Protein backbone atom coordinates (compact mmCIF):
# COMPACT_ATOMS: atom_id res chain seq x y z
CA MET A 1 29.19 -115.37 12.51
CA SER A 2 31.37 -115.78 15.60
CA THR A 3 30.95 -112.78 18.00
CA SER A 4 33.26 -114.52 20.78
CA LEU A 5 36.28 -116.49 21.00
CA LEU A 6 36.68 -118.98 24.28
CA ARG A 7 39.89 -118.81 25.06
CA PRO A 8 41.98 -121.92 26.73
CA PRO A 9 42.41 -121.36 30.51
CA SER A 10 38.55 -119.41 30.63
CA LEU A 11 37.06 -123.04 28.36
CA LEU A 12 39.34 -125.22 31.52
CA ARG A 13 37.49 -123.22 34.62
CA LEU A 14 34.51 -124.09 33.20
CA LEU A 15 34.63 -127.28 32.52
CA GLY A 16 36.71 -127.89 35.78
CA ALA A 17 36.52 -131.56 37.15
CA TRP A 18 35.31 -132.73 34.02
CA ARG A 19 37.07 -136.15 33.70
CA ALA A 20 36.42 -138.82 35.99
CA HIS A 21 39.50 -141.51 35.34
CA ASP A 22 37.45 -144.35 37.40
CA SER A 23 34.88 -144.30 34.52
CA ALA A 24 34.89 -147.34 31.20
CA GLU A 25 33.82 -143.79 28.91
CA PRO A 26 36.63 -143.22 26.74
CA ALA A 27 37.95 -139.76 27.33
CA TYR A 28 36.53 -138.56 23.90
CA ARG A 29 33.11 -138.80 25.28
CA GLN A 30 33.36 -137.23 28.38
CA LEU A 31 34.81 -134.27 27.31
CA ALA A 32 32.31 -133.93 23.75
CA GLN A 33 29.40 -134.60 27.41
CA ALA A 34 31.27 -131.86 29.07
CA LEU A 35 31.15 -129.32 26.55
CA ARG A 36 27.49 -130.04 25.07
CA MET A 37 26.80 -129.54 29.09
CA LEU A 38 27.97 -126.39 29.07
CA VAL A 39 25.74 -125.37 26.50
CA LEU A 40 23.40 -126.09 27.09
CA ASP A 41 23.83 -124.95 30.20
CA GLY A 42 24.42 -121.37 29.00
CA ARG A 43 27.94 -121.18 30.42
CA VAL A 44 29.17 -120.67 26.71
CA GLY A 45 27.00 -119.08 24.79
CA LEU A 46 25.84 -119.73 21.59
CA ASN A 47 28.22 -118.30 18.17
CA VAL A 48 31.33 -119.10 20.60
CA ARG A 49 34.62 -119.98 18.92
CA LEU A 50 36.36 -122.86 20.65
CA PRO A 51 39.87 -123.14 20.90
CA GLY A 52 41.20 -125.39 17.92
CA GLU A 53 42.10 -128.69 18.70
CA ARG A 54 45.98 -128.42 18.75
CA GLU A 55 45.72 -125.80 20.97
CA LEU A 56 43.11 -127.40 23.56
CA ALA A 57 44.62 -131.13 23.74
CA ALA A 58 47.76 -129.23 25.24
CA ALA A 59 45.63 -127.19 27.49
CA LEU A 60 43.91 -130.73 28.87
CA GLY A 61 47.48 -132.72 28.42
CA LEU A 62 45.04 -134.95 25.88
CA SER A 63 46.54 -135.99 22.58
CA ARG A 64 45.03 -134.23 19.99
CA THR A 65 42.98 -136.85 18.63
CA THR A 66 40.85 -137.27 21.42
CA VAL A 67 40.01 -133.65 20.95
CA ALA A 68 39.20 -134.18 17.58
CA ALA A 69 37.19 -136.79 18.14
CA ALA A 70 35.14 -134.97 20.97
CA PHE A 71 34.51 -132.21 18.45
CA ASP A 72 33.43 -134.56 15.66
CA ARG A 73 30.90 -136.28 17.95
CA LEU A 74 29.54 -132.69 19.12
CA ARG A 75 29.48 -131.79 15.29
CA ASP A 76 27.55 -134.50 14.40
CA GLU A 77 24.93 -133.96 17.40
CA GLY A 78 24.75 -130.71 16.14
CA PHE A 79 26.53 -128.55 18.72
CA LEU A 80 29.41 -127.67 16.81
CA GLU A 81 29.69 -126.11 13.51
CA SER A 82 32.78 -125.51 11.60
CA ARG A 83 34.61 -124.26 8.91
CA GLN A 84 37.77 -124.09 7.20
CA GLY A 85 39.38 -121.24 8.73
CA SER A 86 37.00 -120.09 11.26
CA GLY A 87 37.35 -122.44 14.03
CA SER A 88 35.00 -124.50 15.84
CA VAL A 89 31.58 -122.79 16.82
CA THR A 90 28.84 -123.70 19.28
CA ARG A 91 25.06 -124.55 18.00
CA LEU A 92 22.09 -125.80 18.98
CA PRO A 93 20.96 -129.09 16.89
CA ALA A 94 18.78 -128.00 14.12
CA GLY A 95 14.95 -127.34 15.20
CA GLY A 96 16.06 -126.91 18.74
CA VAL A 97 13.04 -127.89 20.99
CA ALA A 98 9.83 -128.64 19.79
CA PRO A 99 7.76 -130.21 22.53
CA PRO A 100 4.76 -132.20 21.58
CA ALA A 101 1.53 -131.47 23.71
CA ILE A 102 1.30 -133.90 26.26
CA ASP A 103 -2.32 -134.56 28.65
CA ILE A 104 -2.26 -131.83 31.48
CA ASP A 105 -4.78 -131.73 33.81
CA MET A 106 -5.48 -128.52 35.40
CA ALA A 107 -4.64 -127.92 38.84
CA PRO A 108 -7.56 -128.87 41.34
CA GLY A 109 -9.88 -125.95 41.86
CA GLY A 110 -7.51 -124.34 39.38
CA ASN A 111 -5.58 -122.98 42.26
CA ILE A 112 -1.61 -122.02 40.99
CA LEU A 113 1.20 -120.78 43.49
CA ASN A 114 2.78 -118.57 42.07
CA TRP A 115 6.69 -119.05 42.30
CA THR A 116 8.24 -116.63 40.53
CA HIS A 117 8.57 -113.71 42.30
CA ALA A 118 11.65 -112.95 44.06
CA ALA A 119 10.40 -110.02 46.04
CA LEU A 120 9.23 -109.37 49.73
CA PRO A 121 6.23 -107.30 51.08
CA ALA A 122 6.39 -104.27 52.12
CA ALA A 123 8.92 -103.52 55.04
CA PRO A 124 8.52 -102.34 58.37
CA GLY A 125 7.99 -98.79 58.39
CA VAL A 126 6.96 -97.67 54.95
CA ALA A 127 3.75 -96.41 56.26
CA ARG A 128 5.10 -94.06 58.09
CA ALA A 129 7.46 -92.93 55.26
CA TYR A 130 4.91 -92.43 53.37
CA ALA A 131 2.91 -90.28 56.24
CA HIS A 132 6.02 -88.39 56.40
CA ALA A 133 6.12 -87.24 52.76
CA VAL A 134 2.16 -85.75 52.74
CA GLU A 135 3.16 -83.86 55.88
CA ALA A 136 6.80 -82.39 54.07
CA LEU A 137 4.63 -82.30 50.73
CA PRO A 138 3.17 -78.12 51.42
CA ALA A 139 7.04 -77.27 51.29
CA TYR A 140 7.55 -78.82 47.55
CA LEU A 141 3.80 -77.41 46.34
CA GLY A 142 5.14 -74.06 45.29
CA ASP A 143 7.18 -75.35 42.78
CA LEU A 144 6.06 -76.86 39.15
CA GLY A 145 6.97 -80.92 40.18
CA TYR A 146 9.26 -81.42 37.42
CA ASP A 147 12.66 -81.98 37.92
CA ALA A 148 13.80 -84.91 35.68
CA LEU A 149 17.35 -85.48 38.07
CA GLY A 150 15.13 -86.21 41.06
CA LEU A 151 14.56 -83.77 44.45
CA ALA A 152 17.35 -82.45 46.06
CA VAL A 153 17.01 -84.44 48.88
CA LEU A 154 16.57 -87.83 47.77
CA ARG A 155 20.05 -87.02 45.68
CA ARG A 156 21.31 -86.04 48.80
CA SER A 157 20.00 -89.36 50.59
CA ILE A 158 21.36 -91.67 48.00
CA ALA A 159 25.19 -89.96 47.92
CA ALA A 160 24.99 -90.05 51.60
CA HIS A 161 24.08 -93.78 51.37
CA TYR A 162 27.01 -94.58 49.13
CA GLU A 163 29.57 -92.83 51.55
CA ARG A 164 28.57 -94.92 54.25
CA ARG A 165 29.30 -98.01 51.80
CA GLY A 166 33.11 -96.39 51.57
CA CYS A 167 32.57 -95.07 47.80
CA PRO A 168 32.51 -90.67 47.80
CA THR A 169 29.81 -89.65 45.99
CA SER A 170 28.50 -86.01 45.46
CA PRO A 171 24.79 -85.44 44.83
CA ASP A 172 25.20 -83.98 41.15
CA GLN A 173 26.43 -88.11 40.57
CA ILE A 174 22.88 -89.18 41.16
CA MET A 175 19.78 -88.86 39.12
CA VAL A 176 16.41 -90.33 40.71
CA THR A 177 14.26 -92.61 38.22
CA ASN A 178 10.90 -94.45 38.64
CA GLY A 179 13.00 -97.99 39.52
CA ALA A 180 15.86 -99.23 38.70
CA GLN A 181 14.49 -100.27 35.00
CA GLN A 182 14.09 -97.34 33.87
CA GLY A 183 17.52 -96.43 34.90
CA PHE A 184 19.11 -98.81 32.63
CA SER A 185 16.74 -98.05 30.02
CA LEU A 186 18.20 -94.95 29.43
CA ILE A 187 21.41 -96.04 29.81
CA LEU A 188 20.44 -98.15 26.89
CA LYS A 189 19.14 -96.00 24.89
CA TRP A 190 21.77 -93.36 25.81
CA LEU A 191 25.14 -95.49 24.78
CA ALA A 192 23.53 -98.28 22.54
CA GLY A 193 21.31 -98.70 19.29
CA PRO A 194 20.43 -101.33 17.27
CA GLY A 195 22.92 -104.19 15.90
CA ASP A 196 24.99 -103.28 18.76
CA ARG A 197 27.02 -105.41 21.48
CA VAL A 198 26.43 -105.52 24.66
CA VAL A 199 28.98 -108.17 27.14
CA ILE A 200 25.83 -109.58 30.21
CA ASP A 201 27.31 -112.36 33.14
CA HIS A 202 25.21 -115.45 32.24
CA PRO A 203 22.39 -116.30 33.25
CA THR A 204 21.16 -112.62 34.40
CA TYR A 205 17.95 -110.78 35.13
CA HIS A 206 15.86 -111.69 32.34
CA ASN A 207 14.04 -107.87 32.30
CA ALA A 208 17.53 -106.70 31.18
CA ILE A 209 17.87 -108.98 28.26
CA GLN A 210 14.61 -108.50 27.15
CA ALA A 211 15.37 -104.79 26.97
CA LEU A 212 18.26 -105.12 24.61
CA GLN A 213 16.27 -107.61 22.63
CA ARG A 214 13.46 -104.92 22.06
CA ASN A 215 15.82 -102.65 21.34
CA HIS A 216 17.53 -104.80 19.22
CA VAL A 217 20.83 -105.20 21.17
CA VAL A 218 23.22 -108.05 20.82
CA PRO A 219 23.61 -109.71 23.84
CA VAL A 220 27.22 -111.42 24.54
CA PRO A 221 26.61 -113.74 26.91
CA VAL A 222 29.84 -114.46 29.62
CA GLY A 223 29.03 -118.20 31.35
CA LEU A 224 29.88 -117.85 34.82
CA PRO A 225 32.11 -120.27 36.35
CA ARG A 226 30.97 -122.73 39.16
CA ILE A 227 32.57 -120.13 41.53
CA GLY A 228 32.76 -116.37 40.76
CA TRP A 229 33.60 -114.32 37.26
CA ASP A 230 35.76 -115.26 34.39
CA VAL A 231 37.24 -111.60 34.35
CA ASP A 232 39.71 -113.12 31.71
CA ALA A 233 36.98 -114.03 29.72
CA MET A 234 35.15 -110.87 30.10
CA GLU A 235 37.74 -109.12 28.96
CA ALA A 236 38.27 -110.99 25.90
CA ALA A 237 34.56 -110.48 25.14
CA PHE A 238 35.15 -106.58 25.70
CA ARG A 239 38.24 -107.33 22.91
CA GLN A 240 36.52 -108.79 20.52
CA THR A 241 33.05 -107.38 20.29
CA SER A 242 33.56 -103.99 20.73
CA PRO A 243 30.83 -103.80 23.40
CA ARG A 244 28.73 -100.81 23.61
CA PHE A 245 29.00 -101.92 27.15
CA ALA A 246 28.94 -105.15 29.69
CA TYR A 247 25.84 -105.26 32.14
CA VAL A 248 27.00 -106.99 35.17
CA ILE A 249 25.06 -107.95 38.93
CA ALA A 250 27.93 -108.06 41.30
CA ASP A 251 25.82 -108.26 44.38
CA PHE A 252 23.58 -111.15 45.28
CA HIS A 253 23.93 -111.97 41.63
CA ASN A 254 19.85 -112.31 39.97
CA PRO A 255 19.39 -115.64 39.77
CA THR A 256 22.87 -116.91 41.38
CA GLY A 257 22.85 -115.20 44.49
CA ARG A 258 26.46 -114.95 43.77
CA SER A 259 28.44 -111.81 45.68
CA MET A 260 31.55 -110.59 43.68
CA ASP A 261 34.72 -110.17 46.05
CA PRO A 262 36.83 -106.83 46.31
CA ALA A 263 39.30 -107.82 44.22
CA THR A 264 37.45 -109.75 41.38
CA ARG A 265 35.52 -105.99 40.99
CA ARG A 266 38.82 -104.41 41.07
CA ALA A 267 40.16 -106.38 38.52
CA LEU A 268 36.98 -106.27 36.42
CA VAL A 269 37.36 -102.58 36.57
CA ALA A 270 40.54 -102.57 35.52
CA ALA A 271 39.59 -104.83 32.16
CA ALA A 272 37.31 -102.62 31.45
CA THR A 273 39.28 -99.14 31.62
CA ARG A 274 42.09 -101.30 29.35
CA THR A 275 38.71 -101.57 27.00
CA HIS A 276 37.24 -98.10 27.07
CA THR A 277 34.01 -100.58 28.03
CA PRO A 278 31.57 -98.86 30.10
CA LEU A 279 30.25 -101.17 33.36
CA VAL A 280 26.66 -100.50 34.19
CA ILE A 281 26.53 -102.21 37.53
CA ASP A 282 23.51 -103.44 38.67
CA GLU A 283 23.52 -103.12 42.85
CA THR A 284 19.41 -103.61 43.49
CA MET A 285 20.20 -106.25 45.19
CA VAL A 286 22.89 -104.80 47.59
CA ALA A 287 20.72 -104.62 50.62
CA MET A 288 19.81 -108.46 50.42
CA GLY A 289 23.25 -110.01 52.56
CA LEU A 290 21.72 -112.94 54.78
CA ASP A 291 24.78 -114.01 55.82
CA SER A 292 27.46 -111.35 55.50
CA ALA A 293 27.46 -108.21 54.19
CA PRO A 294 28.52 -107.08 50.61
CA PRO A 295 32.26 -106.04 49.96
CA PRO A 296 32.17 -101.92 49.19
CA PRO A 297 30.37 -100.71 45.92
CA VAL A 298 32.44 -101.11 42.24
CA ALA A 299 32.84 -97.65 41.90
CA ILE A 300 35.26 -97.34 44.57
CA HIS A 301 37.93 -99.12 42.02
CA ASP A 302 36.85 -96.45 39.33
CA PRO A 303 37.70 -93.04 41.21
CA ALA A 304 38.16 -90.77 38.22
CA GLY A 305 33.73 -92.02 38.14
CA ARG A 306 33.86 -92.33 34.12
CA GLN A 307 34.20 -95.99 33.65
CA VAL A 308 31.75 -97.46 35.80
CA ILE A 309 27.42 -96.48 36.37
CA SER A 310 25.76 -97.81 39.17
CA ILE A 311 21.89 -98.62 39.47
CA GLY A 312 19.93 -99.01 42.62
CA SER A 313 16.61 -99.52 43.97
CA ALA A 314 14.40 -98.81 46.47
CA SER A 315 11.70 -102.13 45.58
CA LYS A 316 13.71 -104.94 46.59
CA ILE A 317 14.84 -103.59 50.44
CA PHE A 318 11.52 -101.58 51.17
CA TRP A 319 8.38 -102.00 48.87
CA GLY A 320 8.21 -103.05 44.78
CA GLY A 321 5.20 -100.55 44.94
CA LEU A 322 7.86 -97.89 45.83
CA ARG A 323 8.73 -97.20 42.62
CA VAL A 324 11.68 -95.16 42.90
CA GLY A 325 15.23 -96.27 41.46
CA TRP A 326 18.86 -94.14 41.02
CA VAL A 327 21.66 -94.00 38.63
CA ARG A 328 24.87 -92.99 40.07
CA ALA A 329 27.46 -91.89 37.63
CA ASP A 330 29.95 -88.61 36.74
CA ALA A 331 27.64 -85.45 36.43
CA GLN A 332 28.08 -85.01 33.24
CA THR A 333 27.07 -88.62 32.81
CA VAL A 334 24.03 -87.91 34.78
CA ALA A 335 23.45 -84.64 33.15
CA ALA A 336 23.13 -86.17 29.69
CA LEU A 337 20.70 -89.16 31.58
CA GLY A 338 18.11 -85.66 32.48
CA ARG A 339 18.00 -84.44 28.61
CA LEU A 340 17.49 -88.17 27.18
CA ARG A 341 14.79 -88.29 29.79
CA THR A 342 12.64 -85.54 28.99
CA THR A 343 11.51 -87.11 26.22
CA THR A 344 10.20 -90.40 27.90
CA ASP A 345 8.84 -88.89 31.28
CA MET A 346 9.21 -85.52 33.52
CA ALA A 347 10.21 -86.75 36.58
CA SER A 348 9.74 -89.37 38.96
CA PRO A 349 6.48 -88.72 41.77
CA VAL A 350 7.34 -85.96 44.49
CA VAL A 351 6.18 -88.43 47.52
CA GLU A 352 7.24 -91.34 46.29
CA GLN A 353 11.19 -89.67 46.69
CA ILE A 354 10.26 -87.78 49.72
CA ALA A 355 9.19 -91.19 51.66
CA ALA A 356 12.38 -92.62 49.83
CA ALA A 357 14.29 -90.33 51.59
CA HIS A 358 12.84 -90.57 54.56
CA LEU A 359 13.51 -94.85 54.60
CA ILE A 360 17.15 -94.66 53.02
CA ASP A 361 18.35 -91.58 55.90
CA ALA A 362 17.05 -94.42 58.16
CA ASP A 363 19.42 -97.04 57.08
CA VAL A 364 17.96 -100.11 58.61
CA GLY A 365 18.54 -102.56 55.89
CA LEU A 366 16.77 -105.94 56.23
CA GLY A 367 16.48 -105.64 60.05
CA ASP A 368 14.64 -108.43 61.14
CA ARG A 369 13.26 -109.81 57.96
CA ALA A 370 17.32 -111.01 57.35
CA GLN A 371 16.51 -113.88 60.09
CA SER A 372 13.34 -114.11 58.23
CA LEU A 373 14.60 -114.57 55.41
CA ARG A 374 17.96 -116.99 56.21
CA ALA A 375 15.19 -119.54 57.94
CA ARG A 376 12.98 -119.90 54.80
CA ARG A 377 16.10 -119.67 52.83
CA ASP A 378 17.26 -122.88 55.15
CA HIS A 379 14.13 -124.37 55.01
CA LEU A 380 14.09 -124.64 51.50
CA VAL A 381 17.31 -125.97 51.07
CA ARG A 382 16.42 -128.98 53.33
CA LEU A 383 12.96 -129.51 51.63
CA ILE A 384 15.18 -130.46 48.50
CA GLU A 385 17.03 -132.15 50.13
CA GLN A 386 14.46 -134.54 51.17
CA ARG A 387 12.19 -134.72 48.19
CA LEU A 388 14.43 -133.99 45.06
CA PRO A 389 17.98 -135.05 46.21
CA HIS A 390 18.50 -135.36 42.76
CA TRP A 391 18.89 -131.89 42.58
CA GLN A 392 22.33 -129.49 43.46
CA VAL A 393 21.83 -126.01 44.88
CA ASP A 394 24.49 -123.86 46.23
CA VAL A 395 23.71 -121.78 49.13
CA PRO A 396 23.83 -118.49 48.60
CA ALA A 397 24.87 -115.73 51.18
CA GLY A 398 22.09 -113.37 49.74
CA GLY A 399 19.44 -112.45 47.58
CA LEU A 400 16.31 -113.63 47.21
CA SER A 401 16.44 -116.98 45.53
CA LEU A 402 18.12 -120.67 44.90
CA TRP A 403 19.38 -121.97 41.43
CA ALA A 404 18.73 -125.21 41.52
CA GLU A 405 20.71 -127.47 38.79
CA LEU A 406 18.65 -130.20 37.46
CA PRO A 407 20.77 -133.50 36.29
CA ARG A 408 18.94 -133.20 32.89
CA ALA A 409 18.34 -130.67 30.76
CA GLU A 410 14.31 -130.38 31.11
CA ALA A 411 13.67 -127.24 33.33
CA THR A 412 11.30 -126.00 30.32
CA ALA A 413 9.31 -129.31 29.82
CA LEU A 414 9.11 -129.60 34.21
CA ALA A 415 7.80 -125.85 34.75
CA ALA A 416 5.38 -127.19 32.50
CA LEU A 417 4.13 -129.82 34.11
CA ALA A 418 4.48 -128.45 37.35
CA GLU A 419 2.23 -125.32 36.73
CA SER A 420 -0.51 -128.24 35.35
CA MET A 421 0.13 -129.57 38.92
CA GLY A 422 -0.68 -125.98 40.57
CA VAL A 423 2.75 -124.50 41.15
CA ARG A 424 4.35 -121.81 38.84
CA VAL A 425 8.12 -122.02 38.48
CA ALA A 426 10.87 -119.90 36.88
CA ALA A 427 12.63 -122.20 34.23
CA GLY A 428 16.55 -121.22 33.42
CA PRO A 429 15.95 -120.50 29.84
CA LYS A 430 14.49 -117.38 31.01
CA PHE A 431 17.56 -116.17 32.74
CA GLY A 432 20.15 -116.69 29.23
CA VAL A 433 20.17 -116.58 25.44
CA GLY A 434 19.43 -119.08 22.95
CA GLY A 435 17.56 -121.45 25.35
CA ALA A 436 20.13 -121.79 27.46
CA PHE A 437 19.99 -123.02 31.07
CA GLU A 438 17.59 -125.90 30.54
CA ARG A 439 18.89 -127.74 33.48
CA PHE A 440 18.36 -124.79 35.88
CA LEU A 441 15.14 -123.42 37.41
CA ARG A 442 15.07 -120.33 39.91
CA LEU A 443 13.58 -120.61 43.80
CA PRO A 444 12.66 -117.75 45.94
CA PHE A 445 12.65 -118.07 48.97
CA THR A 446 10.35 -115.45 49.97
CA LEU A 447 6.75 -117.23 50.57
CA ASP A 448 6.44 -118.70 54.34
CA GLU A 449 7.57 -121.88 55.30
CA PRO A 450 4.23 -123.71 54.65
CA MET A 451 3.99 -122.40 51.42
CA LEU A 452 7.38 -123.05 50.50
CA GLU A 453 6.37 -126.87 51.71
CA VAL A 454 3.30 -127.01 49.88
CA ALA A 455 5.76 -125.18 46.64
CA VAL A 456 8.27 -128.71 46.99
CA GLU A 457 5.68 -130.98 47.23
CA ARG A 458 4.16 -129.93 44.16
CA LEU A 459 7.52 -129.46 42.30
CA ALA A 460 8.69 -133.18 44.21
CA GLU A 461 5.00 -134.66 42.00
CA ALA A 462 5.53 -133.50 38.53
CA ASP A 463 9.21 -134.10 38.60
CA ALA A 464 8.66 -137.75 39.40
CA ARG A 465 5.48 -137.87 36.66
CA LEU A 466 7.87 -136.42 34.04
CA HIS A 467 10.59 -139.16 34.92
CA ALA A 468 8.03 -141.93 35.08
CA ARG A 469 6.98 -140.76 31.37
CA MET A 470 10.03 -140.87 30.16
CA PRO A 471 11.83 -143.89 28.56
CA ARG A 472 14.78 -144.92 29.57
CA MET A 473 17.99 -144.34 27.56
CA ARG A 474 21.40 -144.49 28.12
CA ASP A 475 22.09 -141.42 26.14
CA SER A 476 21.99 -138.51 28.11
CA LEU A 477 21.87 -136.22 25.20
CA ALA A 478 18.67 -138.50 24.11
CA MET A 479 17.29 -138.14 27.96
CA ALA A 480 17.66 -134.56 27.63
CA LEU A 481 15.65 -134.04 24.21
CA GLU A 482 13.09 -136.60 25.26
CA ALA A 483 12.44 -134.13 28.39
CA ASP A 484 11.83 -131.35 26.30
CA ARG A 485 9.04 -133.40 24.17
CA LEU A 486 6.81 -134.11 26.97
CA ILE A 487 5.02 -130.65 27.44
């Protein structure tokens, strides 16, 4: 059953410059290939109804016969299913990917370089913040230490942090959590139940997808176009699927690194308001700007405070071991989440909250680490250009990783082979639903430069070995499926 209709303007944005007019390949084959790759990449999700043949032909300036031939080819390949009165719905070929084993040698000495973590060691000042917290602790020992909403000192610090970013906030709009993941889990339990739908930008943070699926909530993916976000497609998904909420990473998006511009933020809130769809905005990466600061928070476009719920965290900017996060929402929502929290845990640790307040008040941001991260990012881009020139990477203005695009749908096969050669990488499907993003890998630039060189060297060797085993085939779909079988 289709859960969403993709309208022609959104599909045209996703297709981009799909047709090579100087190619001898017929237009219908080029269109079928472009649509096929949108499905394989996850930019068009599964169970999505495409525009009708006549409607799409008019939008593309093609004959209906050309579009019909492209759709016929996709149906033959298993990427479309058409039913009378229901249109054409995206699918994956029957059986999906069923890769048989190949001979995989263990890495020398069993030494695996784990290149999956997009996180940093502790920031300068974390130890001093803990020392300050221990000194301040006696003033809190007369209380029980249970506060589901968090210490007043930390809630004031977080509210002041939003004020500095141009978003007026009072402490009663803040709830402290044990990391952003707990905040998301509480919001999910409060707003959605089994069988409900939640719209997500696609790809997105893998733990958010897992949380939805563990709670039997249906993610409704809206593919990211080549640049920015498609608010028209988001609003269409809001209207067509009646989601309980939408989850969006607007600042230095994980995994793509892109950042939403102010006009798009405003348009997204307007679309959510028109359709009465709550927005859950993940701000865990907001402090990870390398070339520019992020725009003001999405919440500034919701002055009444009833449409946008923001999630933040101290983990990325300060230290992953500092398990302090927060939720910013209207006071009634915060109070409701606090009541719900008491059924799972009572409160966040007091020492960590005092330390986090000290660090947030200092407002140092990345500081000198930004220069180091920029250097590592640029070094990783150069290494890929040198060793894997057939890959494509966009240089993000912030975040902690590159979203590398491969020529063929072989990320899972390549990741398995790379691990046998001593480097563990995160394949694209981890960040999508329905097996999407087989042409992508997430490559963090948080390792130091010598380790990045080792990682790329091993990955390039795995890439070369993978292709040495693949027979030459003219059809790119067959090439993609064969790559999957090489695990």
